[in-house]
Amino acid sequence: DADPFMLHLYAALSEKERELISTRTKAALQVLKAKGVL
């Protein structure tokens, strides 16, 4: 019974989560770089 407004809201949250995943991945790469990993 989820209505269109709820679906749009969760779509926006999902898009934001994708951005956060990308941010965390970049942060993890920086950790590896700091450890001397090529």
Full PDB file with SEQRES, HELIX, SHEET, SSBOND, CRYST1, ORIGX, SCALE, CONECT and MASTER records, all heavy atoms in Angstrom:
SEQRES   1 A   38  ASP ALA ASP PRO PHE MET LEU HIS LEU TYR ALA ALA LEU          
SEQRES   2 A   38  SER GLU LYS GLU ARG GLU LEU ILE SER THR ARG THR LYS          
SEQRES   3 A   38  ALA ALA LEU GLN VAL LEU LYS ALA LYS GLY VAL LEU              
HELIX    1 AA1 PRO A    4  ALA A   34  1                                  31    
CRYST1    1.000    1.000    1.000  90.00  90.00  90.00 P 1           1          
ORIGX1      1.000000  0.000000  0.000000        0.00000                         
ORIGX2      0.000000  1.000000  0.000000        0.00000                         
ORIGX3      0.000000  0.000000  1.000000        0.00000                         
SCALE1      1.000000  0.000000  0.000000        0.00000                         
SCALE2      0.000000  1.000000  0.000000        0.00000                         
SCALE3      0.000000  0.000000  1.000000        0.00000                         
ATOM      1  N   ASP A   1       0.804  -1.224   0.000  1.00  0.00           N  
ATOM      2  CA  ASP A   1       0.000   0.000   0.000  1.00  0.00           C  
ATOM      3  C   ASP A   1       0.840   1.279   0.000  1.00  0.00           C  
ATOM      4  O   ASP A   1       0.303   2.367   0.224  1.00  0.00           O  
ATOM      5  CB  ASP A   1      -0.933   0.009   1.217  1.00  0.00           C  
ATOM      6  CG  ASP A   1      -1.938  -1.135   1.182  1.00  0.00           C  
ATOM      7  OD1 ASP A   1      -2.427  -1.436   0.081  1.00  0.00           O  
ATOM      8  OD2 ASP A   1      -2.209  -1.724   2.243  1.00  0.00           O  
ATOM      9  N   ALA A   2       2.127   1.148  -0.240  1.00  0.00           N  
ATOM     10  CA  ALA A   2       2.993   2.339  -0.280  1.00  0.00           C  
ATOM     11  C   ALA A   2       2.544   3.256  -1.419  1.00  0.00           C  
ATOM     12  O   ALA A   2       2.370   2.820  -2.554  1.00  0.00           O  
ATOM     13  CB  ALA A   2       4.447   1.925  -0.486  1.00  0.00           C  
ATOM     14  N   ASP A   3       2.342   4.527  -1.097  1.00  0.00           N  
ATOM     15  CA  ASP A   3       1.853   5.464  -2.114  1.00  0.00           C  
ATOM     16  C   ASP A   3       3.018   6.092  -2.883  1.00  0.00           C  
ATOM     17  O   ASP A   3       4.180   5.948  -2.511  1.00  0.00           O  
ATOM     18  CB  ASP A   3       0.969   6.542  -1.479  1.00  0.00           C  
ATOM     19  CG  ASP A   3       1.691   7.349  -0.399  1.00  0.00           C  
ATOM     20  OD1 ASP A   3       2.920   7.503  -0.495  1.00  0.00           O  
ATOM     21  OD2 ASP A   3       1.028   7.812   0.537  1.00  0.00           O  
ATOM     22  N   PRO A   4       2.724   6.787  -3.990  1.00  0.00           N  
ATOM     23  CA  PRO A   4       3.780   7.396  -4.812  1.00  0.00           C  
ATOM     24  C   PRO A   4       4.689   8.342  -4.030  1.00  0.00           C  
ATOM     25  O   PRO A   4       5.898   8.393  -4.281  1.00  0.00           O  
ATOM     26  CB  PRO A   4       2.993   8.149  -5.885  1.00  0.00           C  
ATOM     27  CG  PRO A   4       1.726   7.367  -6.024  1.00  0.00           C  
ATOM     28  CD  PRO A   4       1.401   6.930  -4.637  1.00  0.00           C  
ATOM     29  N   PHE A   5       4.123   9.083  -3.079  1.00  0.00           N  
ATOM     30  CA  PHE A   5       4.948  10.000  -2.292  1.00  0.00           C  
ATOM     31  C   PHE A   5       6.002   9.230  -1.502  1.00  0.00           C  
ATOM     32  O   PHE A   5       7.180   9.617  -1.461  1.00  0.00           O  
ATOM     33  CB  PHE A   5       4.075  10.807  -1.328  1.00  0.00           C  
ATOM     34  CG  PHE A   5       4.875  11.665  -0.369  1.00  0.00           C  
ATOM     35  CD1 PHE A   5       5.444  12.853  -0.792  1.00  0.00           C  
ATOM     36  CD2 PHE A   5       5.074  11.264   0.950  1.00  0.00           C  
ATOM     37  CE1 PHE A   5       6.201  13.631   0.074  1.00  0.00           C  
ATOM     38  CE2 PHE A   5       5.821  12.034   1.820  1.00  0.00           C  
ATOM     39  CZ  PHE A   5       6.386  13.219   1.388  1.00  0.00           C  
ATOM     40  N   MET A   6       5.583   8.120  -0.878  1.00  0.00           N  
ATOM     41  CA  MET A   6       6.533   7.316  -0.103  1.00  0.00           C  
ATOM     42  C   MET A   6       7.607   6.727  -1.006  1.00  0.00           C  
ATOM     43  O   MET A   6       8.794   6.714  -0.657  1.00  0.00           O  
ATOM     44  CB  MET A   6       5.800   6.187   0.625  1.00  0.00           C  
ATOM     45  CG  MET A   6       6.728   5.316   1.487  1.00  0.00           C  
ATOM     46  SD  MET A   6       5.867   3.964   2.327  1.00  0.00           S  
ATOM     47  CE  MET A   6       4.876   4.910   3.498  1.00  0.00           C  
ATOM     48  N   LEU A   7       7.211   6.265  -2.194  1.00  0.00           N  
ATOM     49  CA  LEU A   7       8.177   5.685  -3.120  1.00  0.00           C  
ATOM     50  C   LEU A   7       9.190   6.735  -3.578  1.00  0.00           C  
ATOM     51  O   LEU A   7      10.387   6.453  -3.681  1.00  0.00           O  
ATOM     52  CB  LEU A   7       7.454   5.084  -4.325  1.00  0.00           C  
ATOM     53  CG  LEU A   7       6.604   3.840  -4.029  1.00  0.00           C  
ATOM     54  CD1 LEU A   7       5.796   3.443  -5.263  1.00  0.00           C  
ATOM     55  CD2 LEU A   7       7.489   2.671  -3.587  1.00  0.00           C  
ATOM     56  N   HIS A   8       8.715   7.953  -3.852  1.00  0.00           N  
ATOM     57  CA  HIS A   8       9.630   9.034  -4.240  1.00  0.00           C  
ATOM     58  C   HIS A   8      10.587   9.357  -3.093  1.00  0.00           C  
ATOM     59  O   HIS A   8      11.783   9.600  -3.312  1.00  0.00           O  
ATOM     60  CB  HIS A   8       8.838  10.290  -4.627  1.00  0.00           C  
ATOM     61  CG  HIS A   8       8.401  10.311  -6.059  1.00  0.00           C  
ATOM     62  ND1 HIS A   8       7.107  10.095  -6.446  1.00  0.00           N  
ATOM     63  CD2 HIS A   8       9.103  10.509  -7.206  1.00  0.00           C  
ATOM     64  CE1 HIS A   8       7.008  10.165  -7.754  1.00  0.00           C  
ATOM     65  NE2 HIS A   8       8.205  10.415  -8.242  1.00  0.00           N  
ATOM     66  N   LEU A   9      10.054   9.353  -1.882  1.00  0.00           N  
ATOM     67  CA  LEU A   9      10.878   9.659  -0.714  1.00  0.00           C  
ATOM     68  C   LEU A   9      11.974   8.623  -0.542  1.00  0.00           C  
ATOM     69  O   LEU A   9      13.155   8.968  -0.353  1.00  0.00           O  
ATOM     70  CB  LEU A   9       9.997   9.718   0.544  1.00  0.00           C  
ATOM     71  CG  LEU A   9      10.720   9.958   1.875  1.00  0.00           C  
ATOM     72  CD1 LEU A   9      11.438  11.299   1.851  1.00  0.00           C  
ATOM     73  CD2 LEU A   9       9.732   9.915   3.030  1.00  0.00           C  
ATOM     74  N   TYR A  10      11.618   7.361  -0.646  1.00  0.00           N  
ATOM     75  CA  TYR A  10      12.614   6.305  -0.485  1.00  0.00           C  
ATOM     76  C   TYR A  10      13.590   6.264  -1.654  1.00  0.00           C  
ATOM     77  O   TYR A  10      14.752   5.876  -1.488  1.00  0.00           O  
ATOM     78  CB  TYR A  10      11.933   4.949  -0.294  1.00  0.00           C  
ATOM     79  CG  TYR A  10      11.600   4.669   1.144  1.00  0.00           C  
ATOM     80  CD1 TYR A  10      10.439   5.165   1.720  1.00  0.00           C  
ATOM     81  CD2 TYR A  10      12.459   3.927   1.952  1.00  0.00           C  
ATOM     82  CE1 TYR A  10      10.130   4.930   3.053  1.00  0.00           C  
ATOM     83  CE2 TYR A  10      12.168   3.686   3.286  1.00  0.00           C  
ATOM     84  CZ  TYR A  10      11.002   4.185   3.826  1.00  0.00           C  
ATOM     85  OH  TYR A  10      10.712   3.955   5.148  1.00  0.00           O  
ATOM     86  N   ALA A  11      13.121   6.658  -2.831  1.00  0.00           N  
ATOM     87  CA  ALA A  11      14.032   6.743  -3.974  1.00  0.00           C  
ATOM     88  C   ALA A  11      15.101   7.796  -3.711  1.00  0.00           C  
ATOM     89  O   ALA A  11      16.291   7.598  -4.010  1.00  0.00           O  
ATOM     90  CB  ALA A  11      13.258   7.080  -5.249  1.00  0.00           C  
ATOM     91  N   ALA A  12      14.679   8.932  -3.135  1.00  0.00           N  
ATOM     92  CA  ALA A  12      15.624   9.998  -2.798  1.00  0.00           C  
ATOM     93  C   ALA A  12      16.615   9.517  -1.740  1.00  0.00           C  
ATOM     94  O   ALA A  12      17.822   9.798  -1.823  1.00  0.00           O  
ATOM     95  CB  ALA A  12      14.880  11.232  -2.305  1.00  0.00           C  
ATOM     96  N   LEU A  13      16.111   8.782  -0.742  1.00  0.00           N  
ATOM     97  CA  LEU A  13      16.989   8.241   0.304  1.00  0.00           C  
ATOM     98  C   LEU A  13      17.967   7.232  -0.278  1.00  0.00           C  
ATOM     99  O   LEU A  13      19.139   7.183   0.108  1.00  0.00           O  
ATOM    100  CB  LEU A  13      16.145   7.587   1.406  1.00  0.00           C  
ATOM    101  CG  LEU A  13      15.302   8.543   2.264  1.00  0.00           C  
ATOM    102  CD1 LEU A  13      14.395   7.746   3.195  1.00  0.00           C  
ATOM    103  CD2 LEU A  13      16.202   9.463   3.073  1.00  0.00           C  
ATOM    104  N   SER A  14      17.488   6.415  -1.213  1.00  0.00           N  
ATOM    105  CA  SER A  14      18.341   5.419  -1.846  1.00  0.00           C  
ATOM    106  C   SER A  14      19.444   6.075  -2.661  1.00  0.00           C  
ATOM    107  O   SER A  14      20.597   5.633  -2.669  1.00  0.00           O  
ATOM    108  CB  SER A  14      17.495   4.500  -2.733  1.00  0.00           C  
ATOM    109  OG  SER A  14      18.275   3.456  -3.271  1.00  0.00           O  
ATOM    110  N   GLU A  15      19.085   7.162  -3.365  1.00  0.00           N  
ATOM    111  CA  GLU A  15      20.076   7.887  -4.149  1.00  0.00           C  
ATOM    112  C   GLU A  15      21.139   8.492  -3.227  1.00  0.00           C  
ATOM    113  O   GLU A  15      22.336   8.472  -3.530  1.00  0.00           O  
ATOM    114  CB  GLU A  15      19.394   8.983  -4.961  1.00  0.00           C  
ATOM    115  CG  GLU A  15      20.331   9.717  -5.912  1.00  0.00           C  
ATOM    116  CD  GLU A  15      19.585  10.667  -6.833  1.00  0.00           C  
ATOM    117  OE1 GLU A  15      18.963  10.195  -7.795  1.00  0.00           O  
ATOM    118  OE2 GLU A  15      19.610  11.888  -6.576  1.00  0.00           O  
ATOM    119  N   LYS A  16      20.684   9.010  -2.096  1.00  0.00           N  
ATOM    120  CA  LYS A  16      21.617   9.570  -1.123  1.00  0.00           C  
ATOM    121  C   LYS A  16      22.520   8.487  -0.560  1.00  0.00           C  
ATOM    122  O   LYS A  16      23.725   8.701  -0.369  1.00  0.00           O  
ATOM    123  CB  LYS A  16      20.836  10.246   0.017  1.00  0.00           C  
ATOM    124  CG  LYS A  16      21.726  10.907   1.061  1.00  0.00           C  
ATOM    125  CD  LYS A  16      22.570  12.035   0.473  1.00  0.00           C  
ATOM    126  CE  LYS A  16      23.401  12.726   1.524  1.00  0.00           C  
ATOM    127  NZ  LYS A  16      24.250  13.792   0.967  1.00  0.00           N  
ATOM    128  N   GLU A  17      21.953   7.303  -0.326  1.00  0.00           N  
ATOM    129  CA  GLU A  17      22.757   6.205   0.202  1.00  0.00           C  
ATOM    130  C   GLU A  17      23.848   5.810  -0.788  1.00  0.00           C  
ATOM    131  O   GLU A  17      24.968   5.509  -0.399  1.00  0.00           O  
ATOM    132  CB  GLU A  17      21.866   4.994   0.494  1.00  0.00           C  
ATOM    133  CG  GLU A  17      22.637   3.821   1.101  1.00  0.00           C  
ATOM    134  CD  GLU A  17      21.743   2.639   1.399  1.00  0.00           C  
ATOM    135  OE1 GLU A  17      20.778   2.423   0.644  1.00  0.00           O  
ATOM    136  OE2 GLU A  17      22.002   1.927   2.373  1.00  0.00           O  
ATOM    137  N   ARG A  18      23.519   5.842  -2.085  1.00  0.00           N  
ATOM    138  CA  ARG A  18      24.520   5.529  -3.093  1.00  0.00           C  
ATOM    139  C   ARG A  18      25.678   6.515  -3.022  1.00  0.00           C  
ATOM    140  O   ARG A  18      26.848   6.148  -3.141  1.00  0.00           O  
ATOM    141  CB  ARG A  18      23.892   5.569  -4.494  1.00  0.00           C  
ATOM    142  CG  ARG A  18      24.844   5.106  -5.605  1.00  0.00           C  
ATOM    143  CD  ARG A  18      24.276   5.405  -6.970  1.00  0.00           C  
ATOM    144  NE  ARG A  18      24.248   6.840  -7.217  1.00  0.00           N  
ATOM    145  CZ  ARG A  18      23.465   7.424  -8.112  1.00  0.00           C  
ATOM    146  NH1 ARG A  18      22.602   6.721  -8.807  1.00  0.00           N  
ATOM    147  NH2 ARG A  18      23.524   8.734  -8.299  1.00  0.00           N  
ATOM    148  N   GLU A  19      25.339   7.787  -2.814  1.00  0.00           N  
ATOM    149  CA  GLU A  19      26.380   8.811  -2.684  1.00  0.00           C  
ATOM    150  C   GLU A  19      27.240   8.550  -1.445  1.00  0.00           C  
ATOM    151  O   GLU A  19      28.465   8.732  -1.481  1.00  0.00           O  
ATOM    152  CB  GLU A  19      25.743  10.191  -2.598  1.00  0.00           C  
ATOM    153  CG  GLU A  19      25.008  10.611  -3.871  1.00  0.00           C  
ATOM    154  CD  GLU A  19      24.245  11.916  -3.690  1.00  0.00           C  
ATOM    155  OE1 GLU A  19      24.308  12.481  -2.566  1.00  0.00           O  
ATOM    156  OE2 GLU A  19      23.600  12.369  -4.644  1.00  0.00           O  
ATOM    157  N   LEU A  20      26.596   8.112  -0.357  1.00  0.00           N  
ATOM    158  CA  LEU A  20      27.342   7.827   0.866  1.00  0.00           C  
ATOM    159  C   LEU A  20      28.255   6.622   0.685  1.00  0.00           C  
ATOM    160  O   LEU A  20      29.371   6.594   1.213  1.00  0.00           O  
ATOM    161  CB  LEU A  20      26.365   7.578   2.026  1.00  0.00           C  
ATOM    162  CG  LEU A  20      25.556   8.793   2.489  1.00  0.00           C  
ATOM    163  CD1 LEU A  20      24.535   8.378   3.537  1.00  0.00           C  
ATOM    164  CD2 LEU A  20      26.484   9.870   3.046  1.00  0.00           C  
ATOM    165  N   ILE A  21      27.770   5.614  -0.046  1.00  0.00           N  
ATOM    166  CA  ILE A  21      28.607   4.440  -0.326  1.00  0.00           C  
ATOM    167  C   ILE A  21      29.845   4.862  -1.101  1.00  0.00           C  
ATOM    168  O   ILE A  21      30.963   4.417  -0.819  1.00  0.00           O  
ATOM    169  CB  ILE A  21      27.809   3.386  -1.119  1.00  0.00           C  
ATOM    170  CG1 ILE A  21      26.741   2.753  -0.226  1.00  0.00           C  
ATOM    171  CG2 ILE A  21      28.738   2.299  -1.662  1.00  0.00           C  
ATOM    172  CD1 ILE A  21      25.794   1.825  -0.965  1.00  0.00           C  
ATOM    173  N   SER A  22      29.639   5.742  -2.085  1.00  0.00           N  
ATOM    174  CA  SER A  22      30.769   6.243  -2.865  1.00  0.00           C  
ATOM    175  C   SER A  22      31.747   6.994  -1.976  1.00  0.00           C  
ATOM    176  O   SER A  22      32.974   6.838  -2.092  1.00  0.00           O  
ATOM    177  CB  SER A  22      30.260   7.166  -3.976  1.00  0.00           C  
ATOM    178  OG  SER A  22      31.338   7.746  -4.688  1.00  0.00           O  
ATOM    179  N   THR A  23      31.206   7.795  -1.053  1.00  0.00           N  
ATOM    180  CA  THR A  23      32.057   8.557  -0.131  1.00  0.00           C  
ATOM    181  C   THR A  23      32.863   7.625   0.768  1.00  0.00           C  
ATOM    182  O   THR A  23      34.054   7.842   0.993  1.00  0.00           O  
ATOM    183  CB  THR A  23      31.197   9.489   0.743  1.00  0.00           C  
ATOM    184  OG1 THR A  23      30.503  10.420  -0.114  1.00  0.00           O  
ATOM    185  CG2 THR A  23      32.064  10.276   1.726  1.00  0.00           C  
ATOM    186  N   ARG A  24      32.185   6.585   1.288  1.00  0.00           N  
ATOM    187  CA  ARG A  24      32.882   5.628   2.161  1.00  0.00           C  
ATOM    188  C   ARG A  24      33.962   4.875   1.398  1.00  0.00           C  
ATOM    189  O   ARG A  24      35.036   4.578   1.938  1.00  0.00           O  
ATOM    190  CB  ARG A  24      31.872   4.648   2.775  1.00  0.00           C  
ATOM    191  CG  ARG A  24      30.976   5.264   3.842  1.00  0.00           C  
ATOM    192  CD  ARG A  24      30.305   4.190   4.676  1.00  0.00           C  
ATOM    193  NE  ARG A  24      29.428   3.344   3.892  1.00  0.00           N  
ATOM    194  CZ  ARG A  24      28.121   3.545   3.753  1.00  0.00           C  
ATOM    195  NH1 ARG A  24      27.557   4.596   4.336  1.00  0.00           N  
ATOM    196  NH2 ARG A  24      27.383   2.726   3.042  1.00  0.00           N  
ATOM    197  N   THR A  25      33.671   4.547   0.122  1.00  0.00           N  
ATOM    198  CA  THR A  25      34.664   3.842  -0.690  1.00  0.00           C  
ATOM    199  C   THR A  25      35.900   4.709  -0.897  1.00  0.00           C  
ATOM    200  O   THR A  25      37.043   4.244  -0.782  1.00  0.00           O  
ATOM    201  CB  THR A  25      34.069   3.449  -2.054  1.00  0.00           C  
ATOM    202  OG1 THR A  25      32.953   2.569  -1.850  1.00  0.00           O  
ATOM    203  CG2 THR A  25      35.105   2.742  -2.922  1.00  0.00           C  
ATOM    204  N   LYS A  26      35.674   5.999  -1.185  1.00  0.00           N  
ATOM    205  CA  LYS A  26      36.796   6.922  -1.372  1.00  0.00           C  
ATOM    206  C   LYS A  26      37.591   7.071  -0.078  1.00  0.00           C  
ATOM    207  O   LYS A  26      38.824   7.134  -0.096  1.00  0.00           O  
ATOM    208  CB  LYS A  26      36.277   8.289  -1.831  1.00  0.00           C  
ATOM    209  CG  LYS A  26      35.725   8.285  -3.249  1.00  0.00           C  
ATOM    210  CD  LYS A  26      35.153   9.642  -3.625  1.00  0.00           C  
ATOM    211  CE  LYS A  26      34.587   9.629  -5.042  1.00  0.00           C  
ATOM    212  NZ  LYS A  26      33.970  10.927  -5.419  1.00  0.00           N  
ATOM    213  N   ALA A  27      36.881   7.110   1.054  1.00  0.00           N  
ATOM    214  CA  ALA A  27      37.564   7.222   2.344  1.00  0.00           C  
ATOM    215  C   ALA A  27      38.394   5.984   2.614  1.00  0.00           C  
ATOM    216  O   ALA A  27      39.527   6.067   3.121  1.00  0.00           O  
ATOM    217  CB  ALA A  27      36.533   7.417   3.456  1.00  0.00           C  
ATOM    218  N   ALA A  28      37.841   4.813   2.251  1.00  0.00           N  
ATOM    219  CA  ALA A  28      38.577   3.561   2.448  1.00  0.00           C  
ATOM    220  C   ALA A  28      39.824   3.519   1.567  1.00  0.00           C  
ATOM    221  O   ALA A  28      40.882   3.020   1.981  1.00  0.00           O  
ATOM    222  CB  ALA A  28      37.663   2.377   2.130  1.00  0.00           C  
ATOM    223  N   LEU A  29      39.717   4.068   0.342  1.00  0.00           N  
ATOM    224  CA  LEU A  29      40.884   4.142  -0.539  1.00  0.00           C  
ATOM    225  C   LEU A  29      41.975   5.022   0.069  1.00  0.00           C  
ATOM    226  O   LEU A  29      43.173   4.723  -0.048  1.00  0.00           O  
ATOM    227  CB  LEU A  29      40.469   4.680  -1.912  1.00  0.00           C  
ATOM    228  CG  LEU A  29      39.767   3.696  -2.849  1.00  0.00           C  
ATOM    229  CD1 LEU A  29      39.209   4.425  -4.065  1.00  0.00           C  
ATOM    230  CD2 LEU A  29      40.719   2.589  -3.285  1.00  0.00           C  
ATOM    231  N   GLN A  30      41.560   6.101   0.709  1.00  0.00           N  
ATOM    232  CA  GLN A  30      42.528   6.981   1.364  1.00  0.00           C  
ATOM    233  C   GLN A  30      43.224   6.271   2.519  1.00  0.00           C  
ATOM    234  O   GLN A  30      44.415   6.476   2.771  1.00  0.00           O  
ATOM    235  CB  GLN A  30      41.823   8.245   1.868  1.00  0.00           C  
ATOM    236  CG  GLN A  30      41.363   9.181   0.757  1.00  0.00           C  
ATOM    237  CD  GLN A  30      42.514   9.631  -0.125  1.00  0.00           C  
ATOM    238  OE1 GLN A  30      43.571  10.034   0.355  1.00  0.00           O  
ATOM    239  NE2 GLN A  30      42.308   9.551  -1.443  1.00  0.00           N  
ATOM    240  N   VAL A  31      42.474   5.409   3.227  1.00  0.00           N  
ATOM    241  CA  VAL A  31      43.079   4.617   4.310  1.00  0.00           C  
ATOM    242  C   VAL A  31      44.132   3.691   3.742  1.00  0.00           C  
ATOM    243  O   VAL A  31      45.236   3.564   4.284  1.00  0.00           O  
ATOM    244  CB  VAL A  31      41.986   3.806   5.052  1.00  0.00           C  
ATOM    245  CG1 VAL A  31      42.638   2.809   6.018  1.00  0.00           C  
ATOM    246  CG2 VAL A  31      41.061   4.736   5.816  1.00  0.00           C  
ATOM    247  N   LEU A  32      43.791   3.033   2.622  1.00  0.00           N  
ATOM    248  CA  LEU A  32      44.753   2.126   1.991  1.00  0.00           C  
ATOM    249  C   LEU A  32      45.982   2.898   1.499  1.00  0.00           C  
ATOM    250  O   LEU A  32      47.121   2.433   1.627  1.00  0.00           O  
ATOM    251  CB  LEU A  32      44.096   1.396   0.810  1.00  0.00           C  
ATOM    252  CG  LEU A  32      42.986   0.399   1.160  1.00  0.00           C  
ATOM    253  CD1 LEU A  32      42.354  -0.146  -0.117  1.00  0.00           C  
ATOM    254  CD2 LEU A  32      43.541  -0.750   1.995  1.00  0.00           C  
ATOM    255  N   LYS A  33      45.744   4.088   0.940  1.00  0.00           N  
ATOM    256  CA  LYS A  33      46.853   4.908   0.445  1.00  0.00           C  
ATOM    257  C   LYS A  33      47.770   5.310   1.583  1.00  0.00           C  
ATOM    258  O   LYS A  33      49.008   5.302   1.440  1.00  0.00           O  
ATOM    259  CB  LYS A  33      46.291   6.151  -0.253  1.00  0.00           C  
ATOM    260  CG  LYS A  33      47.355   7.041  -0.880  1.00  0.00           C  
ATOM    261  CD  LYS A  33      46.713   8.218  -1.617  1.00  0.00           C  
ATOM    262  CE  LYS A  33      47.781   9.101  -2.256  1.00  0.00           C  
ATOM    263  NZ  LYS A  33      47.159  10.254  -2.976  1.00  0.00           N  
ATOM    264  N   ALA A  34      47.170   5.665   2.732  1.00  0.00           N  
ATOM    265  CA  ALA A  34      47.966   6.058   3.898  1.00  0.00           C  
ATOM    266  C   ALA A  34      48.819   4.900   4.406  1.00  0.00           C  
ATOM    267  O   ALA A  34      49.872   5.109   5.017  1.00  0.00           O  
ATOM    268  CB  ALA A  34      47.040   6.555   5.013  1.00  0.00           C  
ATOM    269  N   LYS A  35      48.369   3.664   4.132  1.00  0.00           N  
ATOM    270  CA  LYS A  35      49.120   2.480   4.560  1.00  0.00           C  
ATOM    271  C   LYS A  35      50.196   2.099   3.547  1.00  0.00           C  
ATOM    272  O   LYS A  35      50.892   1.102   3.724  1.00  0.00           O  
ATOM    273  CB  LYS A  35      48.164   1.300   4.759  1.00  0.00           C  
ATOM    274  CG  LYS A  35      47.227   1.466   5.963  1.00  0.00           C  
ATOM    275  CD  LYS A  35      46.330   0.238   6.115  1.00  0.00           C  
ATOM    276  CE  LYS A  35      45.434   0.377   7.339  1.00  0.00           C  
ATOM    277  NZ  LYS A  35      44.548  -0.808   7.504  1.00  0.00           N  
ATOM    278  N   GLY A  36      50.275   2.895   2.467  1.00  0.00           N  
ATOM    279  CA  GLY A  36      51.305   2.632   1.478  1.00  0.00           C  
ATOM    280  C   GLY A  36      50.885   1.701   0.364  1.00  0.00           C  
ATOM    281  O   GLY A  36      51.718   1.261  -0.435  1.00  0.00           O  
ATOM    282  N   VAL A  37      49.587   1.377   0.295  1.00  0.00           N  
ATOM    283  CA  VAL A  37      49.098   0.498  -0.766  1.00  0.00           C  
ATOM    284  C   VAL A  37      49.007   1.278  -2.064  1.00  0.00           C  
ATOM    285  O   VAL A  37      48.495   2.398  -2.093  1.00  0.00           O  
ATOM    286  CB  VAL A  37      47.702  -0.078  -0.403  1.00  0.00           C  
ATOM    287  CG1 VAL A  37      47.161  -0.918  -1.555  1.00  0.00           C  
ATOM    288  CG2 VAL A  37      47.794  -0.896   0.871  1.00  0.00           C  
ATOM    289  N   LEU A  38      49.508   0.696  -3.147  1.00  0.00           N  
ATOM    290  CA  LEU A  38      49.477   1.348  -4.442  1.00  0.00           C  
ATOM    291  C   LEU A  38      48.062   1.296  -4.994  1.00  0.00           C  
ATOM    292  O   LEU A  38      47.499   0.226  -5.190  1.00  0.00           O  
ATOM    293  CB  LEU A  38      50.442   0.660  -5.419  1.00  0.00           C  
ATOM    294  CG  LEU A  38      50.522   1.263  -6.822  1.00  0.00           C  
ATOM    295  CD1 LEU A  38      51.048   2.689  -6.747  1.00  0.00           C  
ATOM    296  CD2 LEU A  38      51.416   0.403  -7.717  1.00  0.00           C  
TER     297      LEU A  38                                                      
MASTER        0    0    0    1    0    0    0    6  296    1    0    3          
END                                                                             
